[in-house]
């Protein structure tokens, strides 16, 4: 049976148990034009604006 050769130190054990490795949720920001939540540096999926300019026209829908 496999047995550890050395005792795992408190530091190594605690680093493994820490929450450092968890992924964080993406940061959302408000669209300047419509106020909907959107990802930063992306075109707003609701109104199609990016930096106060129309990038995607919603007229065709």
PDB file of N, CA and C in Angstrom:
ATOM      1  N   UNK A   1       0.837  -1.184   0.000  1.00  0.00           N
ATOM      2  CA  UNK A   1       0.000   0.000   0.000  1.00  0.00           C
ATOM      3  C   UNK A   1       0.883   1.251   0.000  1.00  0.00           C
ATOM      4  N   UNK A   2       0.473   2.267  -0.728  1.00  0.00           N
ATOM      5  CA  UNK A   2       1.270   3.491  -0.819  1.00  0.00           C
ATOM      6  C   UNK A   2       1.158   4.300   0.463  1.00  0.00           C
ATOM      7  N   UNK A   3       2.313   4.695   0.988  1.00  0.00           N
ATOM      8  CA  UNK A   3       2.368   5.476   2.220  1.00  0.00           C
ATOM      9  C   UNK A   3       3.253   6.686   1.953  1.00  0.00           C
ATOM     10  N   UNK A   4       2.834   7.900   2.400  1.00  0.00           N
ATOM     11  CA  UNK A   4       3.666   9.075   2.197  1.00  0.00           C
ATOM     12  C   UNK A   4       5.009   8.934   2.888  1.00  0.00           C
ATOM     13  N   UNK A   5       6.066   9.329   2.191  1.00  0.00           N
ATOM     14  CA  UNK A   5       7.407   9.213   2.776  1.00  0.00           C
ATOM     15  C   UNK A   5       7.647  10.300   3.821  1.00  0.00           C
ATOM     16  N   UNK A   6       7.081  11.496   3.580  1.00  0.00           N
ATOM     17  CA  UNK A   6       7.260  12.605   4.511  1.00  0.00           C
ATOM     18  C   UNK A   6       5.895  13.186   4.890  1.00  0.00           C
ATOM     19  N   UNK A   7       5.865  13.813   6.060  1.00  0.00           N
ATOM     20  CA  UNK A   7       4.654  14.479   6.520  1.00  0.00           C
ATOM     21  C   UNK A   7       4.400  15.716   5.646  1.00  0.00           C
ATOM     22  N   UNK A   8       3.153  15.919   5.262  1.00  0.00           N
ATOM     23  CA  UNK A   8       2.794  17.116   4.495  1.00  0.00           C
ATOM     24  C   UNK A   8       2.735  18.286   5.463  1.00  0.00           C
ATOM     25  N   UNK A   9       3.478  19.339   5.154  1.00  0.00           N
ATOM     26  CA  UNK A   9       3.546  20.489   6.058  1.00  0.00           C
ATOM     27  C   UNK A   9       2.204  21.225   6.105  1.00  0.00           C
ATOM     28  N   UNK A  10       2.014  22.002   7.159  1.00  0.00           N
ATOM     29  CA  UNK A  10       0.775  22.774   7.310  1.00  0.00           C
ATOM     30  C   UNK A  10       0.606  23.760   6.157  1.00  0.00           C
ATOM     31  N   UNK A  11       1.711  24.347   5.729  1.00  0.00           N
ATOM     32  CA  UNK A  11       1.653  25.321   4.635  1.00  0.00           C
ATOM     33  C   UNK A  11       1.182  24.669   3.339  1.00  0.00           C
ATOM     34  N   UNK A  12       1.784  23.542   2.997  1.00  0.00           N
ATOM     35  CA  UNK A  12       1.420  22.838   1.769  1.00  0.00           C
ATOM     36  C   UNK A  12      -0.028  22.358   1.833  1.00  0.00           C
ATOM     37  N   UNK A  13      -0.423  21.839   2.979  1.00  0.00           N
ATOM     38  CA  UNK A  13      -1.802  21.369   3.160  1.00  0.00           C
ATOM     39  C   UNK A  13      -2.790  22.521   3.018  1.00  0.00           C
ATOM     40  N   UNK A  14      -2.497  23.655   3.646  1.00  0.00           N
ATOM     41  CA  UNK A  14      -3.402  24.792   3.622  1.00  0.00           C
ATOM     42  C   UNK A  14      -3.463  25.445   2.243  1.00  0.00           C
ATOM     43  N   UNK A  15      -2.346  25.441   1.516  1.00  0.00           N
ATOM     44  CA  UNK A  15      -2.365  25.972   0.146  1.00  0.00           C
ATOM     45  C   UNK A  15      -3.290  25.145  -0.732  1.00  0.00           C
ATOM     46  N   UNK A  16      -3.256  23.846  -0.537  1.00  0.00           N
ATOM     47  CA  UNK A  16      -4.108  22.964  -1.319  1.00  0.00           C
ATOM     48  C   UNK A  16      -5.580  23.190  -0.987  1.00  0.00           C
ATOM     49  N   UNK A  17      -5.876  23.464   0.258  1.00  0.00           N
ATOM     50  CA  UNK A  17      -7.262  23.642   0.699  1.00  0.00           C
ATOM     51  C   UNK A  17      -7.801  25.051   0.460  1.00  0.00           C
ATOM     52  N   UNK A  18      -6.941  25.989   0.083  1.00  0.00           N
ATOM     53  CA  UNK A  18      -7.370  27.377  -0.063  1.00  0.00           C
ATOM     54  C   UNK A  18      -8.291  27.543  -1.266  1.00  0.00           C
ATOM     55  N   UNK A  19      -8.914  28.684  -1.331  1.00  0.00           N
ATOM     56  CA  UNK A  19      -9.850  28.978  -2.412  1.00  0.00           C
ATOM     57  C   UNK A  19      -9.191  29.702  -3.570  1.00  0.00           C
ATOM     58  N   UNK A  20      -7.866  29.691  -3.636  1.00  0.00           N
ATOM     59  CA  UNK A  20      -7.134  30.392  -4.684  1.00  0.00           C
ATOM     60  C   UNK A  20      -7.450  29.806  -6.051  1.00  0.00           C
ATOM     61  N   UNK A  21      -7.749  28.524  -6.097  1.00  0.00           N
ATOM     62  CA  UNK A  21      -7.887  27.822  -7.378  1.00  0.00           C
ATOM     63  C   UNK A  21      -9.279  27.936  -7.976  1.00  0.00           C
ATOM     64  N   UNK A  22     -10.230  28.520  -7.274  1.00  0.00           N
ATOM     65  CA  UNK A  22     -11.591  28.618  -7.793  1.00  0.00           C
ATOM     66  C   UNK A  22     -11.679  29.688  -8.874  1.00  0.00           C
ATOM     67  N   UNK A  23     -12.516  29.441  -9.862  1.00  0.00           N
ATOM     68  CA  UNK A  23     -12.738  30.413 -10.926  1.00  0.00           C
ATOM     69  C   UNK A  23     -13.650  31.518 -10.424  1.00  0.00           C
ATOM     70  N   UNK A  24     -13.446  32.716 -10.934  1.00  0.00           N
ATOM     71  CA  UNK A  24     -14.305  33.825 -10.550  1.00  0.00           C
ATOM     72  C   UNK A  24     -15.333  34.089 -11.649  1.00  0.00           C
ATOM     73  N   UNK A  25     -16.420  34.682 -11.263  1.00  0.00           N
ATOM     74  CA  UNK A  25     -17.483  34.998 -12.209  1.00  0.00           C
ATOM     75  C   UNK A  25     -17.054  36.179 -13.084  1.00  0.00           C
ATOM     76  N   UNK A  26     -17.516  36.231 -14.327  1.00  0.00           N
ATOM     77  CA  UNK A  26     -17.144  37.364 -15.190  1.00  0.00           C
ATOM     78  C   UNK A  26     -17.738  38.667 -14.674  1.00  0.00           C
ATOM     79  N   UNK A  27     -16.988  39.744 -14.848  1.00  0.00           N
ATOM     80  CA  UNK A  27     -17.436  41.055 -14.384  1.00  0.00           C
ATOM     81  C   UNK A  27     -18.354  41.676 -15.432  1.00  0.00           C
ATOM     82  N   UNK A  28     -19.550  42.051 -15.016  1.00  0.00           N
ATOM     83  CA  UNK A  28     -20.506  42.680 -15.910  1.00  0.00           C
ATOM     84  C   UNK A  28     -20.491  44.186 -15.711  1.00  0.00           C
ATOM     85  N   UNK A  29     -20.867  44.912 -16.761  1.00  0.00           N
ATOM     86  CA  UNK A  29     -21.007  46.360 -16.661  1.00  0.00           C
ATOM     87  C   UNK A  29     -22.323  46.750 -17.329  1.00  0.00           C
ATOM     88  N   UNK A  30     -22.758  47.962 -17.081  1.00  0.00           N
ATOM     89  CA  UNK A  30     -24.012  48.450 -17.664  1.00  0.00           C
ATOM     90  C   UNK A  30     -23.744  49.076 -19.029  1.00  0.00           C
ATOM     91  N   UNK A  31     -24.635  48.821 -19.956  1.00  0.00           N
ATOM     92  CA  UNK A  31     -24.558  49.439 -21.282  1.00  0.00           C
ATOM     93  C   UNK A  31     -24.880  50.924 -21.139  1.00  0.00           C
ATOM     94  N   UNK A  32     -24.103  51.777 -21.768  1.00  0.00           N
ATOM     95  CA  UNK A  32     -24.330  53.229 -21.693  1.00  0.00           C
ATOM     96  C   UNK A  32     -25.625  53.629 -22.387  1.00  0.00           C
ATOM     97  N   UNK A  33     -26.022  52.869 -23.390  1.00  0.00           N
ATOM     98  CA  UNK A  33     -27.177  53.242 -24.206  1.00  0.00           C
ATOM     99  C   UNK A  33     -28.491  52.739 -23.617  1.00  0.00           C
ATOM    100  N   UNK A  34     -28.572  51.436 -23.290  1.00  0.00           N
ATOM    101  CA  UNK A  34     -29.848  50.870 -22.844  1.00  0.00           C
ATOM    102  C   UNK A  34     -29.867  50.478 -21.367  1.00  0.00           C
ATOM    103  N   UNK A  35     -28.709  50.394 -20.718  1.00  0.00           N
ATOM    104  CA  UNK A  35     -28.669  50.081 -19.298  1.00  0.00           C
ATOM    105  C   UNK A  35     -28.663  48.598 -18.959  1.00  0.00           C
ATOM    106  N   UNK A  36     -28.679  47.731 -19.968  1.00  0.00           N
ATOM    107  CA  UNK A  36     -28.643  46.291 -19.725  1.00  0.00           C
ATOM    108  C   UNK A  36     -27.242  45.854 -19.287  1.00  0.00           C
ATOM    109  N   UNK A  37     -27.165  44.728 -18.566  1.00  0.00           N
ATOM    110  CA  UNK A  37     -25.879  44.176 -18.196  1.00  0.00           C
ATOM    111  C   UNK A  37     -25.222  43.528 -19.400  1.00  0.00           C
ATOM    112  N   UNK A  38     -23.911  43.743 -19.531  1.00  0.00           N
ATOM    113  CA  UNK A  38     -23.158  43.158 -20.634  1.00  0.00           C
ATOM    114  C   UNK A  38     -21.735  42.916 -20.186  1.00  0.00           C
ATOM    115  N   UNK A  39     -20.993  42.105 -20.922  1.00  0.00           N
ATOM    116  CA  UNK A  39     -19.584  41.902 -20.634  1.00  0.00           C
ATOM    117  C   UNK A  39     -18.796  43.133 -21.061  1.00  0.00           C
ATOM    118  N   UNK A  40     -17.740  43.449 -20.329  1.00  0.00           N
ATOM    119  CA  UNK A  40     -16.917  44.613 -20.654  1.00  0.00           C
ATOM    120  C   UNK A  40     -16.226  44.423 -21.999  1.00  0.00           C
ATOM    121  N   UNK A  41     -16.044  45.489 -22.731  1.00  0.00           N
ATOM    122  CA  UNK A  41     -15.348  45.509 -24.019  1.00  0.00           C
ATOM    123  C   UNK A  41     -16.024  44.615 -25.065  1.00  0.00           C
ATOM    124  N   UNK A  42     -17.351  44.473 -24.970  1.00  0.00           N
ATOM    125  CA  UNK A  42     -18.113  43.682 -25.929  1.00  0.00           C
ATOM    126  C   UNK A  42     -19.295  44.509 -26.412  1.00  0.00           C
ATOM    127  N   UNK A  43     -19.810  44.173 -27.567  1.00  0.00           N
ATOM    128  CA  UNK A  43     -21.013  44.819 -28.087  1.00  0.00           C
ATOM    129  C   UNK A  43     -22.193  44.389 -27.219  1.00  0.00           C
ATOM    130  N   UNK A  44     -23.078  45.310 -26.924  1.00  0.00           N
ATOM    131  CA  UNK A  44     -24.261  45.006 -26.127  1.00  0.00           C
ATOM    132  C   UNK A  44     -25.182  44.095 -26.942  1.00  0.00           C
ATOM    133  N   UNK A  45     -25.528  42.914 -26.425  1.00  0.00           N
ATOM    134  CA  UNK A  45     -26.403  42.019 -27.182  1.00  0.00           C
ATOM    135  C   UNK A  45     -27.836  42.523 -27.270  1.00  0.00           C
ATOM    136  N   UNK A  46     -28.211  43.458 -26.399  1.00  0.00           N
ATOM    137  CA  UNK A  46     -29.579  43.956 -26.384  1.00  0.00           C
ATOM    138  C   UNK A  46     -29.812  45.049 -27.434  1.00  0.00           C
ATOM    139  N   UNK A  47     -28.927  46.037 -27.492  1.00  0.00           N
ATOM    140  CA  UNK A  47     -29.153  47.165 -28.404  1.00  0.00           C
ATOM    141  C   UNK A  47     -28.145  47.236 -29.549  1.00  0.00           C
ATOM    142  N   UNK A  48     -27.028  46.512 -29.472  1.00  0.00           N
ATOM    143  CA  UNK A  48     -26.049  46.513 -30.556  1.00  0.00           C
ATOM    144  C   UNK A  48     -25.068  47.665 -30.535  1.00  0.00           C
ATOM    145  N   UNK A  49     -25.002  48.407 -29.432  1.00  0.00           N
ATOM    146  CA  UNK A  49     -24.087  49.545 -29.327  1.00  0.00           C
ATOM    147  C   UNK A  49     -22.772  49.133 -28.688  1.00  0.00           C
ATOM    148  N   UNK A  50     -21.704  49.814 -29.089  1.00  0.00           N
ATOM    149  CA  UNK A  50     -20.396  49.678 -28.451  1.00  0.00           C
ATOM    150  C   UNK A  50     -19.729  51.033 -28.498  1.00  0.00           C
ATOM    151  N   UNK A  51     -19.380  51.580 -27.341  1.00  0.00           N
ATOM    152  CA  UNK A  51     -18.766  52.912 -27.221  1.00  0.00           C
ATOM    153  C   UNK A  51     -19.586  53.976 -27.948  1.00  0.00           C
ATOM    154  N   UNK A  52     -20.864  54.006 -27.678  1.00  0.00           N
ATOM    155  CA  UNK A  52     -21.803  55.002 -28.224  1.00  0.00           C
ATOM    156  C   UNK A  52     -21.917  54.982 -29.744  1.00  0.00           C
ATOM    157  N   UNK A  53     -21.592  53.859 -30.380  1.00  0.00           N
ATOM    158  CA  UNK A  53     -21.750  53.711 -31.824  1.00  0.00           C
ATOM    159  C   UNK A  53     -22.528  52.435 -32.112  1.00  0.00           C
ATOM    160  N   UNK A  54     -23.389  52.480 -33.137  1.00  0.00           N
ATOM    161  CA  UNK A  54     -24.144  51.292 -33.533  1.00  0.00           C
ATOM    162  C   UNK A  54     -23.205  50.359 -34.280  1.00  0.00           C
ATOM    163  N   UNK A  55     -23.053  49.139 -33.768  1.00  0.00           N
ATOM    164  CA  UNK A  55     -22.200  48.151 -34.401  1.00  0.00           C
ATOM    165  C   UNK A  55     -23.054  47.085 -35.068  1.00  0.00           C
ATOM    166  N   UNK A  56     -24.113  46.660 -34.383  1.00  0.00           N
ATOM    167  CA  UNK A  56     -25.046  45.680 -34.918  1.00  0.00           C
ATOM    168  C   UNK A  56     -26.403  46.341 -35.045  1.00  0.00           C
ATOM    169  N   UNK A  57     -26.931  46.357 -36.250  1.00  0.00           N
ATOM    170  CA  UNK A  57     -28.226  46.990 -36.483  1.00  0.00           C
ATOM    171  C   UNK A  57     -29.334  46.024 -36.078  1.00  0.00           C
ATOM    172  N   UNK A  58     -30.256  46.482 -35.227  1.00  0.00           N
ATOM    173  CA  UNK A  58     -31.381  45.670 -34.779  1.00  0.00           C
ATOM    174  C   UNK A  58     -32.634  45.940 -35.618  1.00  0.00           C
ATOM    175  N   UNK A  59     -32.532  46.754 -36.665  1.00  0.00           N
ATOM    176  CA  UNK A  59     -33.667  47.114 -37.505  1.00  0.00           C
ATOM    177  C   UNK A  59     -34.172  45.925 -38.334  1.00  0.00           C
ATOM    178  N   UNK A  60     -33.293  44.988 -38.676  1.00  0.00           N
ATOM    179  CA  UNK A  60     -33.667  43.878 -39.558  1.00  0.00           C
ATOM    180  C   UNK A  60     -34.551  42.850 -38.860  1.00  0.00           C
ATOM    181  N   UNK A  61     -34.600  42.866 -37.515  1.00  0.00           N
ATOM    182  CA  UNK A  61     -35.377  41.856 -36.784  1.00  0.00           C
ATOM    183  C   UNK A  61     -36.847  42.008 -36.945  1.00  0.00           C
TER     184      UNK A  61
END
